[in-house]
């Protein structure tokens, strides 16, 4: 994987931790999880693109 792909993966995992902590501490918010899913899909597309190139 390229450096930018590894960085994006790290941000995605960090965002997952933050979204989980937010949901536990306050309450589950659909927009938080929707945003994380969009970020995760962007990360998966970056991984797929970097492997094929």
N, C-alpha and C. Protein backbone atom coordinates (compact mmCIF):
# COMPACT_ATOMS: atom_id res chain seq x y z
N UNK A 1 0.84 -1.18 0.00
CA UNK A 1 0.00 0.00 0.00
C UNK A 1 0.88 1.25 0.00
N UNK A 2 0.37 2.28 -0.60
CA UNK A 2 1.07 3.55 -0.62
C UNK A 2 0.89 4.26 0.72
N UNK A 3 1.70 5.28 0.96
CA UNK A 3 1.63 6.03 2.21
C UNK A 3 0.28 6.70 2.42
N UNK A 4 -0.29 7.26 1.35
CA UNK A 4 -1.58 7.93 1.49
C UNK A 4 -2.70 6.93 1.80
N UNK A 5 -2.59 5.73 1.27
CA UNK A 5 -3.59 4.71 1.55
C UNK A 5 -3.50 4.25 3.00
N UNK A 6 -2.27 4.10 3.50
CA UNK A 6 -2.09 3.74 4.91
C UNK A 6 -2.62 4.84 5.83
N UNK A 7 -2.40 6.09 5.46
CA UNK A 7 -2.90 7.21 6.25
C UNK A 7 -4.43 7.21 6.26
N UNK A 8 -5.03 6.99 5.11
CA UNK A 8 -6.49 6.95 5.03
C UNK A 8 -7.04 5.79 5.86
N UNK A 9 -6.36 4.65 5.84
CA UNK A 9 -6.79 3.52 6.66
C UNK A 9 -6.70 3.85 8.15
N UNK A 10 -5.64 4.52 8.54
CA UNK A 10 -5.48 4.93 9.94
C UNK A 10 -6.56 5.91 10.37
N UNK A 11 -6.88 6.85 9.49
CA UNK A 11 -7.96 7.81 9.78
C UNK A 11 -9.31 7.12 9.90
N UNK A 12 -9.53 6.12 9.07
CA UNK A 12 -10.79 5.39 9.11
C UNK A 12 -10.94 4.62 10.42
N UNK A 13 -9.86 3.96 10.84
CA UNK A 13 -9.90 3.23 12.11
C UNK A 13 -10.07 4.21 13.28
N UNK A 14 -9.36 5.33 13.24
CA UNK A 14 -9.51 6.34 14.28
C UNK A 14 -10.92 6.91 14.33
N UNK A 15 -11.51 7.12 13.17
CA UNK A 15 -12.88 7.63 13.12
C UNK A 15 -13.86 6.61 13.66
N UNK A 16 -13.59 5.32 13.43
CA UNK A 16 -14.44 4.27 13.98
C UNK A 16 -14.39 4.29 15.51
N UNK A 17 -13.20 4.45 16.06
CA UNK A 17 -13.05 4.53 17.51
C UNK A 17 -13.81 5.74 18.06
N UNK A 18 -13.65 6.89 17.40
CA UNK A 18 -14.34 8.09 17.86
C UNK A 18 -15.86 7.96 17.74
N UNK A 19 -16.35 7.38 16.65
CA UNK A 19 -17.79 7.21 16.48
C UNK A 19 -18.35 6.27 17.54
N UNK A 20 -17.60 5.22 17.85
CA UNK A 20 -18.05 4.29 18.88
C UNK A 20 -18.06 4.96 20.25
N UNK A 21 -17.01 5.71 20.56
CA UNK A 21 -16.94 6.42 21.84
C UNK A 21 -18.06 7.45 21.95
N UNK A 22 -18.34 8.15 20.86
CA UNK A 22 -19.43 9.13 20.86
C UNK A 22 -20.76 8.45 21.14
N UNK A 23 -20.99 7.30 20.48
CA UNK A 23 -22.25 6.59 20.66
C UNK A 23 -22.41 6.06 22.08
N UNK A 24 -21.31 5.63 22.68
CA UNK A 24 -21.37 5.11 24.04
C UNK A 24 -21.55 6.25 25.04
N UNK A 25 -20.82 7.33 24.87
CA UNK A 25 -20.85 8.43 25.83
C UNK A 25 -22.14 9.24 25.75
N UNK A 26 -22.60 9.51 24.55
CA UNK A 26 -23.79 10.35 24.41
C UNK A 26 -24.96 9.49 23.95
N UNK A 27 -25.20 9.48 22.69
CA UNK A 27 -26.23 8.60 22.14
C UNK A 27 -25.90 8.37 20.68
N UNK A 28 -26.42 7.31 20.15
CA UNK A 28 -26.13 6.97 18.77
C UNK A 28 -26.73 8.03 17.85
N UNK A 29 -25.92 8.48 16.91
CA UNK A 29 -26.34 9.50 15.96
C UNK A 29 -26.16 8.93 14.55
N UNK A 30 -27.22 8.89 13.79
CA UNK A 30 -27.17 8.32 12.45
C UNK A 30 -26.19 9.03 11.53
N UNK A 31 -26.06 10.35 11.69
CA UNK A 31 -25.15 11.10 10.82
C UNK A 31 -23.69 10.73 11.10
N UNK A 32 -23.37 10.44 12.34
CA UNK A 32 -22.00 10.03 12.68
C UNK A 32 -21.67 8.72 11.98
N UNK A 33 -22.58 7.76 12.05
CA UNK A 33 -22.34 6.46 11.42
C UNK A 33 -22.40 6.56 9.90
N UNK A 34 -23.29 7.38 9.38
CA UNK A 34 -23.34 7.58 7.93
C UNK A 34 -22.02 8.16 7.42
N UNK A 35 -21.49 9.15 8.15
CA UNK A 35 -20.21 9.75 7.76
C UNK A 35 -19.09 8.73 7.81
N UNK A 36 -19.11 7.87 8.83
CA UNK A 36 -18.06 6.85 8.93
C UNK A 36 -18.16 5.85 7.78
N UNK A 37 -19.37 5.47 7.41
CA UNK A 37 -19.55 4.54 6.29
C UNK A 37 -19.04 5.15 4.99
N UNK A 38 -19.32 6.42 4.77
CA UNK A 38 -18.81 7.10 3.57
C UNK A 38 -17.28 7.11 3.57
N UNK A 39 -16.68 7.41 4.73
CA UNK A 39 -15.22 7.40 4.84
C UNK A 39 -14.67 6.00 4.60
N UNK A 40 -15.33 4.99 5.16
CA UNK A 40 -14.88 3.60 4.96
C UNK A 40 -14.97 3.20 3.49
N UNK A 41 -16.03 3.61 2.80
CA UNK A 41 -16.15 3.28 1.38
C UNK A 41 -15.07 3.97 0.56
N UNK A 42 -14.74 5.21 0.92
CA UNK A 42 -13.66 5.92 0.22
C UNK A 42 -12.33 5.21 0.46
N UNK A 43 -12.11 4.72 1.67
CA UNK A 43 -10.88 4.00 1.98
C UNK A 43 -10.80 2.70 1.19
N UNK A 44 -11.90 1.96 1.14
CA UNK A 44 -11.92 0.71 0.38
C UNK A 44 -11.64 0.97 -1.10
N UNK A 45 -12.20 2.04 -1.64
CA UNK A 45 -11.94 2.35 -3.05
C UNK A 45 -10.48 2.74 -3.27
N UNK A 46 -9.88 3.44 -2.30
CA UNK A 46 -8.45 3.76 -2.42
C UNK A 46 -7.60 2.50 -2.40
N UNK A 47 -7.94 1.56 -1.52
CA UNK A 47 -7.19 0.30 -1.45
C UNK A 47 -7.33 -0.48 -2.75
N UNK A 48 -8.55 -0.57 -3.26
CA UNK A 48 -8.78 -1.29 -4.51
C UNK A 48 -8.04 -0.64 -5.67
N UNK A 49 -8.01 0.68 -5.71
CA UNK A 49 -7.33 1.39 -6.78
C UNK A 49 -5.82 1.22 -6.68
N UNK A 50 -5.29 1.25 -5.47
CA UNK A 50 -3.83 1.14 -5.32
C UNK A 50 -3.35 -0.27 -5.62
N UNK A 51 -4.18 -1.27 -5.39
CA UNK A 51 -3.77 -2.66 -5.68
C UNK A 51 -3.80 -2.95 -7.18
N UNK A 52 -4.71 -2.31 -7.89
CA UNK A 52 -4.82 -2.58 -9.33
C UNK A 52 -3.81 -1.77 -10.14
N UNK A 53 -3.29 -0.70 -9.56
CA UNK A 53 -2.34 0.15 -10.30
C UNK A 53 -0.92 -0.30 -10.13
